[in-house]
């Protein structure tokens, strides 16, 4: 259960310690940008993304999302993966973007 007191207390501390970070988060995912989400998209075996590096897949240009992390089937989580990281079938891409852009990534991964 999420305590509202804990949540508000955490926000106050963050505002004091990292005001610019909190401003960024509020701008990116605040009430003005309700369409921004962080989602996970599984890359199935046989996907056109499987076997490609993140750079070669050109996900940001094709979909408009940012890849925040890549979780391997074995559980290894690579935060902010390098462009030369190769996507494998079964991997899970953790991405941030507008709902419509995340849907494009899901379509790209399924193809």
PDB file of N, CA and C in Angstrom:
ATOM      1  N   UNK A   1       0.837  -1.190   0.000  1.00  0.00           N
ATOM      2  CA  UNK A   1       0.000   0.000   0.000  1.00  0.00           C
ATOM      3  C   UNK A   1       0.879   1.250   0.000  1.00  0.00           C
ATOM      4  N   UNK A   2       0.515   2.214  -0.788  1.00  0.00           N
ATOM      5  CA  UNK A   2       1.264   3.457  -0.886  1.00  0.00           C
ATOM      6  C   UNK A   2       0.671   4.479   0.079  1.00  0.00           C
ATOM      7  N   UNK A   3       1.479   4.898   1.014  1.00  0.00           N
ATOM      8  CA  UNK A   3       1.033   5.887   1.985  1.00  0.00           C
ATOM      9  C   UNK A   3       1.116   7.281   1.378  1.00  0.00           C
ATOM     10  N   UNK A   4       0.035   8.048   1.433  1.00  0.00           N
ATOM     11  CA  UNK A   4       0.095   9.408   0.897  1.00  0.00           C
ATOM     12  C   UNK A   4       1.082  10.281   1.674  1.00  0.00           C
ATOM     13  N   UNK A   5       1.251   9.985   2.951  1.00  0.00           N
ATOM     14  CA  UNK A   5       2.201  10.755   3.760  1.00  0.00           C
ATOM     15  C   UNK A   5       3.631  10.498   3.296  1.00  0.00           C
ATOM     16  N   UNK A   6       3.930   9.243   3.017  1.00  0.00           N
ATOM     17  CA  UNK A   6       5.257   8.889   2.518  1.00  0.00           C
ATOM     18  C   UNK A   6       5.504   9.545   1.158  1.00  0.00           C
ATOM     19  N   UNK A   7       4.515   9.465   0.269  1.00  0.00           N
ATOM     20  CA  UNK A   7       4.642  10.030  -1.074  1.00  0.00           C
ATOM     21  C   UNK A   7       4.885  11.537  -1.011  1.00  0.00           C
ATOM     22  N   UNK A   8       4.082  12.242  -0.263  1.00  0.00           N
ATOM     23  CA  UNK A   8       4.214  13.707  -0.159  1.00  0.00           C
ATOM     24  C   UNK A   8       5.526  14.070   0.519  1.00  0.00           C
ATOM     25  N   UNK A   9       5.902  13.329   1.550  1.00  0.00           N
ATOM     26  CA  UNK A   9       7.175  13.593   2.223  1.00  0.00           C
ATOM     27  C   UNK A   9       8.352  13.414   1.282  1.00  0.00           C
ATOM     28  N   UNK A  10       8.295  12.366   0.484  1.00  0.00           N
ATOM     29  CA  UNK A  10       9.354  12.116  -0.496  1.00  0.00           C
ATOM     30  C   UNK A  10       9.430  13.249  -1.516  1.00  0.00           C
ATOM     31  N   UNK A  11       8.294  13.709  -1.981  1.00  0.00           N
ATOM     32  CA  UNK A  11       8.273  14.820  -2.956  1.00  0.00           C
ATOM     33  C   UNK A  11       8.866  16.096  -2.356  1.00  0.00           C
ATOM     34  N   UNK A  12       8.577  16.371  -1.101  1.00  0.00           N
ATOM     35  CA  UNK A  12       9.118  17.573  -0.446  1.00  0.00           C
ATOM     36  C   UNK A  12      10.635  17.475  -0.346  1.00  0.00           C
ATOM     37  N   UNK A  13      11.138  16.318   0.063  1.00  0.00           N
ATOM     38  CA  UNK A  13      12.584  16.126   0.153  1.00  0.00           C
ATOM     39  C   UNK A  13      13.221  16.293  -1.222  1.00  0.00           C
ATOM     40  N   UNK A  14      12.624  15.690  -2.262  1.00  0.00           N
ATOM     41  CA  UNK A  14      13.162  15.804  -3.607  1.00  0.00           C
ATOM     42  C   UNK A  14      13.164  17.260  -4.082  1.00  0.00           C
ATOM     43  N   UNK A  15      12.127  17.992  -3.732  1.00  0.00           N
ATOM     44  CA  UNK A  15      12.056  19.398  -4.119  1.00  0.00           C
ATOM     45  C   UNK A  15      13.197  20.191  -3.498  1.00  0.00           C
ATOM     46  N   UNK A  16      13.533  19.879  -2.263  1.00  0.00           N
ATOM     47  CA  UNK A  16      14.619  20.587  -1.585  1.00  0.00           C
ATOM     48  C   UNK A  16      15.994  20.163  -2.097  1.00  0.00           C
ATOM     49  N   UNK A  17      16.176  18.868  -2.340  1.00  0.00           N
ATOM     50  CA  UNK A  17      17.488  18.363  -2.730  1.00  0.00           C
ATOM     51  C   UNK A  17      17.772  18.463  -4.217  1.00  0.00           C
ATOM     52  N   UNK A  18      16.733  18.259  -5.041  1.00  0.00           N
ATOM     53  CA  UNK A  18      16.906  18.218  -6.494  1.00  0.00           C
ATOM     54  C   UNK A  18      15.778  18.962  -7.194  1.00  0.00           C
ATOM     55  N   UNK A  19      15.708  20.266  -7.018  1.00  0.00           N
ATOM     56  CA  UNK A  19      14.571  20.991  -7.588  1.00  0.00           C
ATOM     57  C   UNK A  19      14.500  20.920  -9.113  1.00  0.00           C
ATOM     58  N   UNK A  20      15.637  20.910  -9.800  1.00  0.00           N
ATOM     59  CA  UNK A  20      15.614  20.863 -11.264  1.00  0.00           C
ATOM     60  C   UNK A  20      15.165  19.495 -11.778  1.00  0.00           C
ATOM     61  N   UNK A  21      15.561  18.438 -11.074  1.00  0.00           N
ATOM     62  CA  UNK A  21      15.120  17.097 -11.461  1.00  0.00           C
ATOM     63  C   UNK A  21      13.617  16.990 -11.290  1.00  0.00           C
ATOM     64  N   UNK A  22      13.110  17.473 -10.180  1.00  0.00           N
ATOM     65  CA  UNK A  22      11.670  17.412  -9.943  1.00  0.00           C
ATOM     66  C   UNK A  22      10.912  18.243 -10.972  1.00  0.00           C
ATOM     67  N   UNK A  23      11.439  19.406 -11.340  1.00  0.00           N
ATOM     68  CA  UNK A  23      10.803  20.210 -12.393  1.00  0.00           C
ATOM     69  C   UNK A  23      10.750  19.440 -13.708  1.00  0.00           C
ATOM     70  N   UNK A  24      11.850  18.754 -14.031  1.00  0.00           N
ATOM     71  CA  UNK A  24      11.879  17.967 -15.264  1.00  0.00           C
ATOM     72  C   UNK A  24      10.831  16.871 -15.232  1.00  0.00           C
ATOM     73  N   UNK A  25      10.768  16.125 -14.134  1.00  0.00           N
ATOM     74  CA  UNK A  25       9.793  15.038 -14.018  1.00  0.00           C
ATOM     75  C   UNK A  25       8.378  15.577 -14.116  1.00  0.00           C
ATOM     76  N   UNK A  26       8.100  16.666 -13.427  1.00  0.00           N
ATOM     77  CA  UNK A  26       6.762  17.253 -13.489  1.00  0.00           C
ATOM     78  C   UNK A  26       6.420  17.719 -14.898  1.00  0.00           C
ATOM     79  N   UNK A  27       7.404  18.263 -15.607  1.00  0.00           N
ATOM     80  CA  UNK A  27       7.159  18.713 -16.978  1.00  0.00           C
ATOM     81  C   UNK A  27       6.957  17.524 -17.906  1.00  0.00           C
ATOM     82  N   UNK A  28       7.789  16.503 -17.738  1.00  0.00           N
ATOM     83  CA  UNK A  28       7.727  15.344 -18.629  1.00  0.00           C
ATOM     84  C   UNK A  28       6.502  14.477 -18.382  1.00  0.00           C
ATOM     85  N   UNK A  29       6.179  14.242 -17.127  1.00  0.00           N
ATOM     86  CA  UNK A  29       5.082  13.326 -16.826  1.00  0.00           C
ATOM     87  C   UNK A  29       4.005  13.954 -15.954  1.00  0.00           C
ATOM     88  N   UNK A  30       4.041  15.256 -15.792  1.00  0.00           N
ATOM     89  CA  UNK A  30       3.057  15.936 -14.965  1.00  0.00           C
ATOM     90  C   UNK A  30       1.715  16.066 -15.660  1.00  0.00           C
ATOM     91  N   UNK A  31       0.847  16.840 -15.063  1.00  0.00           N
ATOM     92  CA  UNK A  31      -0.525  16.961 -15.558  1.00  0.00           C
ATOM     93  C   UNK A  31      -0.586  17.571 -16.958  1.00  0.00           C
ATOM     94  N   UNK A  32       0.446  18.335 -17.339  1.00  0.00           N
ATOM     95  CA  UNK A  32       0.430  18.923 -18.683  1.00  0.00           C
ATOM     96  C   UNK A  32       0.695  17.865 -19.749  1.00  0.00           C
ATOM     97  N   UNK A  33       1.358  16.750 -19.367  1.00  0.00           N
ATOM     98  CA  UNK A  33       1.740  15.718 -20.320  1.00  0.00           C
ATOM     99  C   UNK A  33       1.221  14.353 -19.864  1.00  0.00           C
ATOM    100  N   UNK A  34      -0.070  14.233 -19.752  1.00  0.00           N
ATOM    101  CA  UNK A  34      -0.657  12.990 -19.283  1.00  0.00           C
ATOM    102  C   UNK A  34      -0.452  11.838 -20.253  1.00  0.00           C
ATOM    103  N   UNK A  35      -0.069  12.145 -21.490  1.00  0.00           N
ATOM    104  CA  UNK A  35       0.121  11.069 -22.463  1.00  0.00           C
ATOM    105  C   UNK A  35       1.502  10.429 -22.379  1.00  0.00           C
ATOM    106  N   UNK A  36       2.405  10.959 -21.563  1.00  0.00           N
ATOM    107  CA  UNK A  36       3.739  10.380 -21.411  1.00  0.00           C
ATOM    108  C   UNK A  36       3.668   9.231 -20.414  1.00  0.00           C
ATOM    109  N   UNK A  37       4.202   8.071 -20.838  1.00  0.00           N
ATOM    110  CA  UNK A  37       4.183   6.892 -19.991  1.00  0.00           C
ATOM    111  C   UNK A  37       5.519   6.175 -20.085  1.00  0.00           C
ATOM    112  N   UNK A  38       5.792   5.360 -19.086  1.00  0.00           N
ATOM    113  CA  UNK A  38       6.903   4.424 -19.143  1.00  0.00           C
ATOM    114  C   UNK A  38       6.268   3.051 -19.253  1.00  0.00           C
ATOM    115  N   UNK A  39       6.649   2.323 -20.287  1.00  0.00           N
ATOM    116  CA  UNK A  39       6.057   1.008 -20.550  1.00  0.00           C
ATOM    117  C   UNK A  39       7.144  -0.002 -20.839  1.00  0.00           C
ATOM    118  N   UNK A  40       6.782  -1.269 -20.739  1.00  0.00           N
ATOM    119  CA  UNK A  40       7.681  -2.334 -21.160  1.00  0.00           C
ATOM    120  C   UNK A  40       7.099  -2.999 -22.399  1.00  0.00           C
ATOM    121  N   UNK A  41       7.971  -3.256 -23.345  1.00  0.00           N
ATOM    122  CA  UNK A  41       7.564  -3.873 -24.603  1.00  0.00           C
ATOM    123  C   UNK A  41       8.443  -5.102 -24.818  1.00  0.00           C
ATOM    124  N   UNK A  42       7.812  -6.257 -24.861  1.00  0.00           N
ATOM    125  CA  UNK A  42       8.550  -7.509 -25.080  1.00  0.00           C
ATOM    126  C   UNK A  42       8.833  -7.672 -26.570  1.00  0.00           C
ATOM    127  N   UNK A  43      10.054  -8.092 -26.859  1.00  0.00           N
ATOM    128  CA  UNK A  43      10.473  -8.356 -28.235  1.00  0.00           C
ATOM    129  C   UNK A  43      10.373  -9.867 -28.445  1.00  0.00           C
ATOM    130  N   UNK A  44       9.379 -10.321 -29.198  1.00  0.00           N
ATOM    131  CA  UNK A  44       9.223 -11.772 -29.372  1.00  0.00           C
ATOM    132  C   UNK A  44      10.317 -12.369 -30.263  1.00  0.00           C
ATOM    133  N   UNK A  45      10.502 -13.686 -30.110  1.00  0.00           N
ATOM    134  CA  UNK A  45      11.406 -14.408 -31.010  1.00  0.00           C
ATOM    135  C   UNK A  45      10.916 -14.165 -32.439  1.00  0.00           C
ATOM    136  N   UNK A  46      11.811 -13.939 -33.356  1.00  0.00           N
ATOM    137  CA  UNK A  46      11.436 -13.721 -34.742  1.00  0.00           C
ATOM    138  C   UNK A  46      11.077 -12.280 -35.071  1.00  0.00           C
ATOM    139  N   UNK A  47      11.106 -11.391 -34.092  1.00  0.00           N
ATOM    140  CA  UNK A  47      10.822  -9.972 -34.339  1.00  0.00           C
ATOM    141  C   UNK A  47      11.902  -9.387 -35.243  1.00  0.00           C
ATOM    142  N   UNK A  48      11.519  -8.401 -36.025  1.00  0.00           N
ATOM    143  CA  UNK A  48      12.519  -7.738 -36.878  1.00  0.00           C
ATOM    144  C   UNK A  48      13.559  -6.995 -36.042  1.00  0.00           C
ATOM    145  N   UNK A  49      13.228  -6.690 -34.769  1.00  0.00           N
ATOM    146  CA  UNK A  49      14.200  -6.032 -33.896  1.00  0.00           C
ATOM    147  C   UNK A  49      15.248  -7.001 -33.360  1.00  0.00           C
ATOM    148  N   UNK A  50      14.878  -8.279 -33.237  1.00  0.00           N
ATOM    149  CA  UNK A  50      15.798  -9.282 -32.693  1.00  0.00           C
ATOM    150  C   UNK A  50      17.021  -9.410 -33.598  1.00  0.00           C
ATOM    151  N   UNK A  51      18.188  -9.362 -32.972  1.00  0.00           N
ATOM    152  CA  UNK A  51      19.441  -9.470 -33.720  1.00  0.00           C
ATOM    153  C   UNK A  51      20.012  -8.136 -34.147  1.00  0.00           C
ATOM    154  N   UNK A  52      19.268  -7.057 -33.951  1.00  0.00           N
ATOM    155  CA  UNK A  52      19.762  -5.726 -34.321  1.00  0.00           C
ATOM    156  C   UNK A  52      20.285  -5.000 -33.089  1.00  0.00           C
ATOM    157  N   UNK A  53      21.259  -4.137 -33.297  1.00  0.00           N
ATOM    158  CA  UNK A  53      21.689  -3.266 -32.210  1.00  0.00           C
ATOM    159  C   UNK A  53      20.644  -2.162 -32.049  1.00  0.00           C
ATOM    160  N   UNK A  54      20.667  -1.512 -30.902  1.00  0.00           N
ATOM    161  CA  UNK A  54      19.742  -0.389 -30.707  1.00  0.00           C
ATOM    162  C   UNK A  54      19.967   0.691 -31.760  1.00  0.00           C
ATOM    163  N   UNK A  55      21.231   0.926 -32.104  1.00  0.00           N
ATOM    164  CA  UNK A  55      21.535   1.939 -33.126  1.00  0.00           C
ATOM    165  C   UNK A  55      20.954   1.541 -34.480  1.00  0.00           C
ATOM    166  N   UNK A  56      21.159   0.284 -34.866  1.00  0.00           N
ATOM    167  CA  UNK A  56      20.668  -0.174 -36.172  1.00  0.00           C
ATOM    168  C   UNK A  56      19.142  -0.215 -36.212  1.00  0.00           C
ATOM    169  N   UNK A  57      18.519  -0.530 -35.085  1.00  0.00           N
ATOM    170  CA  UNK A  57      17.052  -0.593 -35.033  1.00  0.00           C
ATOM    171  C   UNK A  57      16.430   0.788 -35.188  1.00  0.00           C
ATOM    172  N   UNK A  58      17.182   1.832 -34.838  1.00  0.00           N
ATOM    173  CA  UNK A  58      16.741   3.222 -35.028  1.00  0.00           C
ATOM    174  C   UNK A  58      15.356   3.473 -34.424  1.00  0.00           C
ATOM    175  N   UNK A  59      15.156   2.972 -33.217  1.00  0.00           N
ATOM    176  CA  UNK A  59      13.845   3.015 -32.566  1.00  0.00           C
ATOM    177  C   UNK A  59      13.370   4.439 -32.323  1.00  0.00           C
ATOM    178  N   UNK A  60      14.270   5.290 -31.872  1.00  0.00           N
ATOM    179  CA  UNK A  60      13.839   6.667 -31.571  1.00  0.00           C
ATOM    180  C   UNK A  60      13.320   7.377 -32.821  1.00  0.00           C
ATOM    181  N   UNK A  61      14.006   7.213 -33.944  1.00  0.00           N
ATOM    182  CA  UNK A  61      13.574   7.870 -35.184  1.00  0.00           C
ATOM    183  C   UNK A  61      12.276   7.274 -35.715  1.00  0.00           C
ATOM    184  N   UNK A  62      12.127   5.957 -35.585  1.00  0.00           N
ATOM    185  CA  UNK A  62      10.954   5.283 -36.134  1.00  0.00           C
ATOM    186  C   UNK A  62       9.709   5.434 -35.270  1.00  0.00           C
ATOM    187  N   UNK A  63       9.910   5.573 -33.947  1.00  0.00           N
ATOM    188  CA  UNK A  63       8.749   5.562 -33.053  1.00  0.00           C
ATOM    189  C   UNK A  63       8.608   6.815 -32.196  1.00  0.00           C
ATOM    190  N   UNK A  64       9.700   7.506 -31.942  1.00  0.00           N
ATOM    191  CA  UNK A  64       9.649   8.687 -31.085  1.00  0.00           C
ATOM    192  C   UNK A  64       9.796   8.385 -29.611  1.00  0.00           C
ATOM    193  N   UNK A  65      10.121   7.136 -29.243  1.00  0.00           N
ATOM    194  CA  UNK A  65      10.295   6.798 -27.826  1.00  0.00           C
ATOM    195  C   UNK A  65      11.774   6.725 -27.474  1.00  0.00           C
ATOM    196  N   UNK A  66      12.056   6.842 -26.202  1.00  0.00           N
ATOM    197  CA  UNK A  66      13.410   6.675 -25.682  1.00  0.00           C
ATOM    198  C   UNK A  66      13.487   5.339 -24.960  1.00  0.00           C
ATOM    199  N   UNK A  67      14.517   4.581 -25.215  1.00  0.00           N
ATOM    200  CA  UNK A  67      14.735   3.321 -24.511  1.00  0.00           C
ATOM    201  C   UNK A  67      15.522   3.635 -23.235  1.00  0.00           C
ATOM    202  N   UNK A  68      14.889   3.374 -22.094  1.00  0.00           N
ATOM    203  CA  UNK A  68      15.513   3.640 -20.800  1.00  0.00           C
ATOM    204  C   UNK A  68      16.346   2.459 -20.318  1.00  0.00           C
ATOM    205  N   UNK A  69      15.868   1.263 -20.615  1.00  0.00           N
ATOM    206  CA  UNK A  69      16.550   0.059 -20.140  1.00  0.00           C
ATOM    207  C   UNK A  69      16.168  -1.116 -21.023  1.00  0.00           C
ATOM    208  N   UNK A  70      16.959  -2.178 -20.885  1.00  0.00           N
ATOM    209  CA  UNK A  70      16.692  -3.413 -21.606  1.00  0.00           C
ATOM    210  C   UNK A  70      16.858  -4.547 -20.599  1.00  0.00           C
ATOM    211  N   UNK A  71      15.820  -5.363 -20.458  1.00  0.00           N
ATOM    212  CA  UNK A  71      15.889  -6.489 -19.528  1.00  0.00           C
ATOM    213  C   UNK A  71      15.962  -7.774 -20.327  1.00  0.00           C
ATOM    214  N   UNK A  72      17.021  -8.536 -20.074  1.00  0.00           N
ATOM    215  CA  UNK A  72      17.253  -9.799 -20.758  1.00  0.00           C
ATOM    216  C   UNK A  72      16.368 -10.893 -20.169  1.00  0.00           C
ATOM    217  N   UNK A  73      16.204 -11.964 -20.910  1.00  0.00           N
ATOM    218  CA  UNK A  73      15.427 -13.116 -20.461  1.00  0.00           C
ATOM    219  C   UNK A  73      15.995 -13.672 -19.157  1.00  0.00           C
ATOM    220  N   UNK A  74      17.328 -13.612 -18.997  1.00  0.00           N
ATOM    221  CA  UNK A  74      17.962 -14.142 -17.787  1.00  0.00           C
ATOM    222  C   UNK A  74      17.807 -13.220 -16.580  1.00  0.00           C
ATOM    223  N   UNK A  75      17.124 -12.082 -16.768  1.00  0.00           N
ATOM    224  CA  UNK A  75      16.883 -11.159 -15.667  1.00  0.00           C
ATOM    225  C   UNK A  75      17.848  -9.998 -15.581  1.00  0.00           C
ATOM    226  N   UNK A  76      18.942 -10.039 -16.350  1.00  0.00           N
ATOM    227  CA  UNK A  76      19.904  -8.932 -16.325  1.00  0.00           C
ATOM    228  C   UNK A  76      19.237  -7.662 -16.861  1.00  0.00           C
ATOM    229  N   UNK A  77      19.355  -6.577 -16.115  1.00  0.00           N
ATOM    230  CA  UNK A  77      18.769  -5.301 -16.509  1.00  0.00           C
ATOM    231  C   UNK A  77      19.876  -4.324 -16.853  1.00  0.00           C
ATOM    232  N   UNK A  78      19.873  -3.841 -18.082  1.00  0.00           N
ATOM    233  CA  UNK A  78      20.849  -2.845 -18.531  1.00  0.00           C
ATOM    234  C   UNK A  78      20.153  -1.489 -18.578  1.00  0.00           C
ATOM    235  N   UNK A  79      20.492  -0.616 -17.628  1.00  0.00           N
ATOM    236  CA  UNK A  79      19.937   0.731 -17.606  1.00  0.00           C
ATOM    237  C   UNK A  79      20.701   1.581 -18.610  1.00  0.00           C
ATOM    238  N   UNK A  80      19.975   2.395 -19.379  1.00  0.00           N
ATOM    239  CA  UNK A  80      20.568   3.258 -20.398  1.00  0.00           C
ATOM    240  C   UNK A  80      21.522   2.464 -21.288  1.00  0.00           C
ATOM    241  N   UNK A  81      20.997   1.458 -21.992  1.00  0.00           N
ATOM    242  CA  UNK A  81      21.858   0.577 -22.784  1.00  0.00           C
ATOM    243  C   UNK A  81      22.585   1.333 -23.894  1.00  0.00           C
ATOM    244  N   UNK A  82      23.791   0.878 -24.154  1.00  0.00           N
ATOM    245  CA  UNK A  82      24.623   1.500 -25.191  1.00  0.00           C
ATOM    246  C   UNK A  82      24.024   1.247 -26.571  1.00  0.00           C
ATOM    247  N   UNK A  83      24.304   2.128 -27.536  1.00  0.00           N
ATOM    248  CA  UNK A  83      23.760   1.957 -28.890  1.00  0.00           C
ATOM    249  C   UNK A  83      24.152   0.632 -29.539  1.00  0.00           C
ATOM    250  N   UNK A  84      25.308   0.082 -29.162  1.00  0.00           N
ATOM    251  CA  UNK A  84      25.735  -1.177 -29.769  1.00  0.00           C
ATOM    252  C   UNK A  84      25.122  -2.406 -29.100  1.00  0.00           C
ATOM    253  N   UNK A  85      24.299  -2.214 -28.074  1.00  0.00           N
ATOM    254  CA  UNK A  85      23.615  -3.328 -27.419  1.00  0.00           C
ATOM    255  C   UNK A  85      22.689  -4.012 -28.418  1.00  0.00           C
ATOM    256  N   UNK A  86      22.833  -5.322 -28.539  1.00  0.00           N
ATOM    257  CA  UNK A  86      22.021  -6.094 -29.481  1.00  0.00           C
ATOM    258  C   UNK A  86      20.749  -6.562 -28.783  1.00  0.00           C
ATOM    259  N   UNK A  87      19.629  -6.318 -29.423  1.00  0.00           N
ATOM    260  CA  UNK A  87      18.322  -6.749 -28.928  1.00  0.00           C
ATOM    261  C   UNK A  87      18.156  -8.225 -29.283  1.00  0.00           C
ATOM    262  N   UNK A  88      17.719  -9.015 -28.311  1.00  0.00           N
ATOM    263  CA  UNK A  88      17.510 -10.441 -28.545  1.00  0.00           C
ATOM    264  C   UNK A  88      16.038 -10.780 -28.372  1.00  0.00           C
ATOM    265  N   UNK A  89      15.596 -11.813 -29.059  1.00  0.00           N
ATOM    266  CA  UNK A  89      14.233 -12.275 -28.887  1.00  0.00           C
ATOM    267  C   UNK A  89      13.985 -12.640 -27.429  1.00  0.00           C
ATOM    268  N   UNK A  90      12.881 -12.180 -26.878  1.00  0.00           N
ATOM    269  CA  UNK A  90      12.556 -12.410 -25.485  1.00  0.00           C
ATOM    270  C   UNK A  90      12.938 -11.253 -24.585  1.00  0.00           C
ATOM    271  N   UNK A  91      13.768 -10.323 -25.088  1.00  0.00           N
ATOM    272  CA  UNK A  91      14.136  -9.151 -24.294  1.00  0.00           C
ATOM    273  C   UNK A  91      12.913  -8.271 -24.057  1.00  0.00           C
ATOM    274  N   UNK A  92      13.003  -7.478 -23.019  1.00  0.00           N
ATOM    275  CA  UNK A  92      11.952  -6.516 -22.707  1.00  0.00           C
ATOM    276  C   UNK A  92      12.578  -5.121 -22.771  1.00  0.00           C
ATOM    277  N   UNK A  93      12.023  -4.272 -23.627  1.00  0.00           N
ATOM    278  CA  UNK A  93      12.486  -2.887 -23.741  1.00  0.00           C
ATOM    279  C   UNK A  93      11.660  -2.031 -22.792  1.00  0.00           C
ATOM    280  N   UNK A  94      12.313  -1.231 -21.963  1.00  0.00           N
ATOM    281  CA  UNK A  94      11.619  -0.298 -21.086  1.00  0.00           C
ATOM    282  C   UNK A  94      11.789   1.069 -21.727  1.00  0.00           C
ATOM    283  N   UNK A  95      10.661   1.659 -22.106  1.00  0.00           N
ATOM    284  CA  UNK A  95      10.696   2.874 -22.916  1.00  0.00           C
ATOM    285  C   UNK A  95       9.787   3.943 -22.333  1.00  0.00           C
ATOM    286  N   UNK A  96      10.092   5.188 -22.663  1.00  0.00           N
ATOM    287  CA  UNK A  96       9.264   6.319 -22.256  1.00  0.00           C
ATOM    288  C   UNK A  96       8.843   7.072 -23.508  1.00  0.00           C
ATOM    289  N   UNK A  97       7.587   7.483 -23.518  1.00  0.00           N
ATOM    290  CA  UNK A  97       7.091   8.241 -24.658  1.00  0.00           C
ATOM    291  C   UNK A  97       5.596   8.438 -24.572  1.00  0.00           C
ATOM    292  N   UNK A  98       5.070   9.124 -25.552  1.00  0.00           N
ATOM    293  CA  UNK A  98       3.628   9.330 -25.653  1.00  0.00           C
ATOM    294  C   UNK A  98       2.963   7.993 -25.973  1.00  0.00           C
ATOM    295  N   UNK A  99       1.729   7.852 -25.577  1.00  0.00           N
ATOM    296  CA  UNK A  99       0.989   6.610 -25.772  1.00  0.00           C
ATOM    297  C   UNK A  99       1.036   6.149 -27.227  1.00  0.00           C
ATOM    298  N   UNK A 100       0.785   7.047 -28.154  1.00  0.00           N
ATOM    299  CA  UNK A 100       0.784   6.685 -29.577  1.00  0.00           C
ATOM    300  C   UNK A 100       2.160   6.209 -30.027  1.00  0.00           C
ATOM    301  N   UNK A 101       3.218   6.807 -29.502  1.00  0.00           N
ATOM    302  CA  UNK A 101       4.574   6.411 -29.877  1.00  0.00           C
ATOM    303  C   UNK A 101       4.920   5.043 -29.303  1.00  0.00           C
ATOM    304  N   UNK A 102       4.476   4.787 -28.079  1.00  0.00           N
ATOM    305  CA  UNK A 102       4.704   3.472 -27.481  1.00  0.00           C
ATOM    306  C   UNK A 102       3.960   2.383 -28.255  1.00  0.00           C
ATOM    307  N   UNK A 103       2.806   2.716 -28.786  1.00  0.00           N
ATOM    308  CA  UNK A 103       2.064   1.757 -29.615  1.00  0.00           C
ATOM    309  C   UNK A 103       2.838   1.456 -30.894  1.00  0.00           C
ATOM    310  N   UNK A 104       3.515   2.465 -31.450  1.00  0.00           N
ATOM    311  CA  UNK A 104       4.346   2.231 -32.630  1.00  0.00           C
ATOM    312  C   UNK A 104       5.486   1.277 -32.298  1.00  0.00           C
ATOM    313  N   UNK A 105       6.071   1.421 -31.118  1.00  0.00           N
ATOM    314  CA  UNK A 105       7.143   0.512 -30.708  1.00  0.00           C
ATOM    315  C   UNK A 105       6.604  -0.912 -30.568  1.00  0.00           C
ATOM    316  N   UNK A 106       5.428  -1.059 -29.985  1.00  0.00           N
ATOM    317  CA  UNK A 106       4.835  -2.396 -29.856  1.00  0.00           C
ATOM    318  C   UNK A 106       4.605  -3.022 -31.232  1.00  0.00           C
ATOM    319  N   UNK A 107       4.140  -2.231 -32.174  1.00  0.00           N
ATOM    320  CA  UNK A 107       3.917  -2.738 -33.537  1.00  0.00           C
ATOM    321  C   UNK A 107       5.243  -3.119 -34.189  1.00  0.00           C
ATOM    322  N   UNK A 108       6.253  -2.291 -34.003  1.00  0.00           N
ATOM    323  CA  UNK A 108       7.560  -2.564 -34.571  1.00  0.00           C
ATOM    324  C   UNK A 108       8.146  -3.848 -33.988  1.00  0.00           C
ATOM    325  N   UNK A 109       7.979  -4.036 -32.694  1.00  0.00           N
ATOM    326  CA  UNK A 109       8.513  -5.235 -32.037  1.00  0.00           C
ATOM    327  C   UNK A 109       7.801  -6.495 -32.488  1.00  0.00           C
ATOM    328  N   UNK A 110       6.505  -6.406 -32.758  1.00  0.00           N
ATOM    329  CA  UNK A 110       5.721  -7.571 -33.173  1.00  0.00           C
ATOM    330  C   UNK A 110       6.000  -7.960 -34.618  1.00  0.00           C
ATOM    331  N   UNK A 111       6.369  -7.008 -35.418  1.00  0.00           N
ATOM    332  CA  UNK A 111       6.535  -7.271 -36.859  1.00  0.00           C
ATOM    333  C   UNK A 111       7.679  -8.227 -37.128  1.00  0.00           C
TER     334      UNK A 111
END
